[in-house]
Protein backbone atom coordinates (compact mmCIF):
# COMPACT_ATOMS: atom_id res chain seq x y z
CA MET A 1 26.47 -53.74 20.47
CA PHE A 2 26.42 -51.86 23.70
CA THR A 3 29.02 -49.66 22.35
CA SER A 4 26.82 -48.83 19.46
CA ARG A 5 23.64 -48.33 21.31
CA PHE A 6 25.25 -46.22 23.77
CA THR A 7 26.94 -43.72 20.95
CA ALA A 8 23.26 -43.63 19.54
CA VAL A 9 21.87 -42.92 22.84
CA ALA A 10 24.89 -40.21 23.50
CA GLY A 11 24.15 -38.92 20.20
CA ALA A 12 20.33 -38.23 20.57
CA LEU A 13 20.86 -36.73 23.82
CA ALA A 14 23.44 -34.09 22.43
CA LEU A 15 21.17 -33.15 19.96
CA LEU A 16 18.61 -32.58 22.46
CA ILE A 17 20.65 -30.58 24.76
CA GLY A 18 22.11 -28.72 21.85
CA ASN A 19 18.86 -27.78 20.38
CA SER A 20 17.25 -25.39 22.53
CA SER A 21 14.27 -25.14 20.39
CA VAL A 22 13.59 -28.95 20.79
CA LEU A 23 13.42 -28.07 24.51
CA ALA A 24 11.68 -24.57 24.04
CA GLY A 25 7.96 -23.68 24.88
CA ASP A 26 5.43 -22.62 22.59
CA CYS A 27 6.00 -18.47 22.84
CA VAL A 28 3.48 -16.48 20.46
CA MET A 29 3.57 -12.90 20.11
CA SER A 30 0.58 -11.21 18.56
CA ILE A 31 1.26 -8.01 17.29
CA THR A 32 -0.41 -5.24 16.18
CA ARG A 33 0.72 -2.06 14.05
CA THR A 34 -0.43 1.07 14.01
CA ALA A 35 0.71 3.10 11.14
CA CYS A 36 1.75 6.80 10.72
CA PRO A 37 -0.75 8.33 8.04
CA GLY A 38 -0.05 7.17 4.46
CA LYS A 39 2.41 4.57 5.72
CA GLU A 40 0.35 1.69 6.07
CA ALA A 41 1.68 -0.49 3.39
CA GLU A 42 5.23 -0.34 4.37
CA SER A 43 4.38 -0.48 8.12
CA PHE A 44 2.15 -3.69 7.75
CA SER A 45 4.96 -5.14 5.35
CA LYS A 46 6.46 -7.41 8.40
CA CYS A 47 3.00 -8.65 8.75
CA ASP A 48 2.52 -9.67 5.18
CA GLY A 49 0.30 -6.26 4.90
CA LYS A 50 -2.00 -6.41 7.64
CA ALA A 51 -2.13 -4.50 10.60
CA SER A 52 -2.14 -7.72 13.02
CA CYS A 53 -0.12 -11.14 12.94
CA GLU A 54 1.58 -13.99 15.13
CA GLN A 55 4.91 -14.48 15.35
CA LYS A 56 6.54 -17.91 17.07
CA VAL A 57 9.94 -17.72 18.96
CA PRO A 58 11.59 -20.41 20.93
CA ALA A 59 11.82 -19.73 24.67
CA PRO A 60 12.39 -22.15 27.51
CA SER A 61 9.91 -19.99 29.73
CA ALA A 62 7.47 -17.77 30.09
CA ALA A 63 9.92 -15.45 31.74
CA ILE A 64 12.00 -15.30 28.74
CA CYS A 65 9.22 -15.30 26.38
CA ALA A 66 8.10 -12.00 28.25
CA THR A 67 11.84 -10.80 27.66
CA LYS A 68 11.63 -11.40 24.05
CA THR A 69 8.59 -9.79 23.93
CA LYS A 70 9.95 -6.39 25.45
CA ILE A 71 12.68 -6.75 22.96
CA SER A 72 10.55 -7.12 20.14
CA CYS A 73 8.65 -3.27 20.99
CA ALA A 74 11.88 -1.44 19.78
CA ASN A 75 10.65 0.51 16.96
CA SER A 76 13.55 1.84 14.64
CA ARG A 77 11.06 3.28 12.01
CA ARG A 78 9.34 6.07 13.71
CA THR A 79 7.95 7.83 11.14
CA ILE A 80 6.52 4.52 9.35
CA THR A 81 4.95 2.85 12.45
CA LYS A 82 3.40 4.83 14.97
CA TYR A 83 2.49 2.33 17.49
CA LYS A 84 3.19 -1.40 18.09
CA SER A 85 1.01 -3.49 20.88
CA ILE A 86 2.64 -6.78 21.41
CA THR A 87 1.13 -9.58 23.91
CA ALA A 88 2.22 -13.07 23.94
CA THR A 89 1.12 -16.62 25.07
CA PHE A 90 3.52 -19.06 26.51
CA ASP A 91 2.11 -22.54 26.03
CA GLY A 92 -1.60 -21.26 25.65
CA GLU A 93 -1.39 -18.92 28.73
CA PRO A 94 -1.41 -15.14 28.68
CA VAL A 95 2.40 -14.17 29.53
CA GLU A 96 2.02 -11.62 32.47
CA GLY A 97 -1.57 -11.94 32.41
CA GLY A 98 -1.93 -10.40 28.89
CA LYS A 99 -0.36 -6.97 29.28
CA ASP A 100 0.66 -4.84 26.04
CA PHE A 101 4.40 -5.02 26.32
CA CYS A 102 4.83 -1.66 24.56
CA VAL A 103 2.97 0.63 26.82
CA GLY A 104 5.39 3.32 27.74
CA HIS A 105 8.34 2.07 25.76
CA PRO A 106 9.91 5.43 24.40
CA ASP A 107 10.28 4.21 20.68
CA TYR A 108 6.57 5.57 20.47
CA PRO A 109 6.66 9.52 20.85
CA TYR A 110 3.89 9.98 18.20
CA VAL A 111 1.49 7.43 20.20
CA ASP A 112 -0.98 10.15 21.62
CA LYS A 113 -0.62 12.53 18.27
CA PRO A 114 -2.97 12.76 15.61
CA ASP A 115 0.34 12.46 12.82
CA CYS A 116 4.15 11.22 13.39
CA LYS A 117 5.70 14.66 13.62
C-alpha cells in the first residue's frame, strides 16, 4: 500500500515539475499592429483579421514574461506590418509599468513614414 501511494505521489510531482506551464503565471501580451498601406488583411491575419488581439504565453515570472514580449517584437514582414505595439501583464499586473516593448526596435524602419518604402 505504501509503495503504490509513494509511486503515485512521486509520479504526480514529476509531472508537475516536468510541465513548466503548470508552474507558469499568466503572461498576456496585448498586440496591436499598424499595417503598411493596403496590407491590412495580411498584417492583421495573425490576430484573426483584427488590428489588435491578446496572446497568452507561459512564463514563470514577470521578468520572463518581459523577455518573451521583447522577443515578440521581431518583425520579419517589414513591407506588410509597419509597426507592432506590445504591452504585457503578468498575473493581471502590468509588466514594466505597461510600457510598449517595441518602441525603438530596429525592425520598424518605417514607423515615422507615411508608407513602407
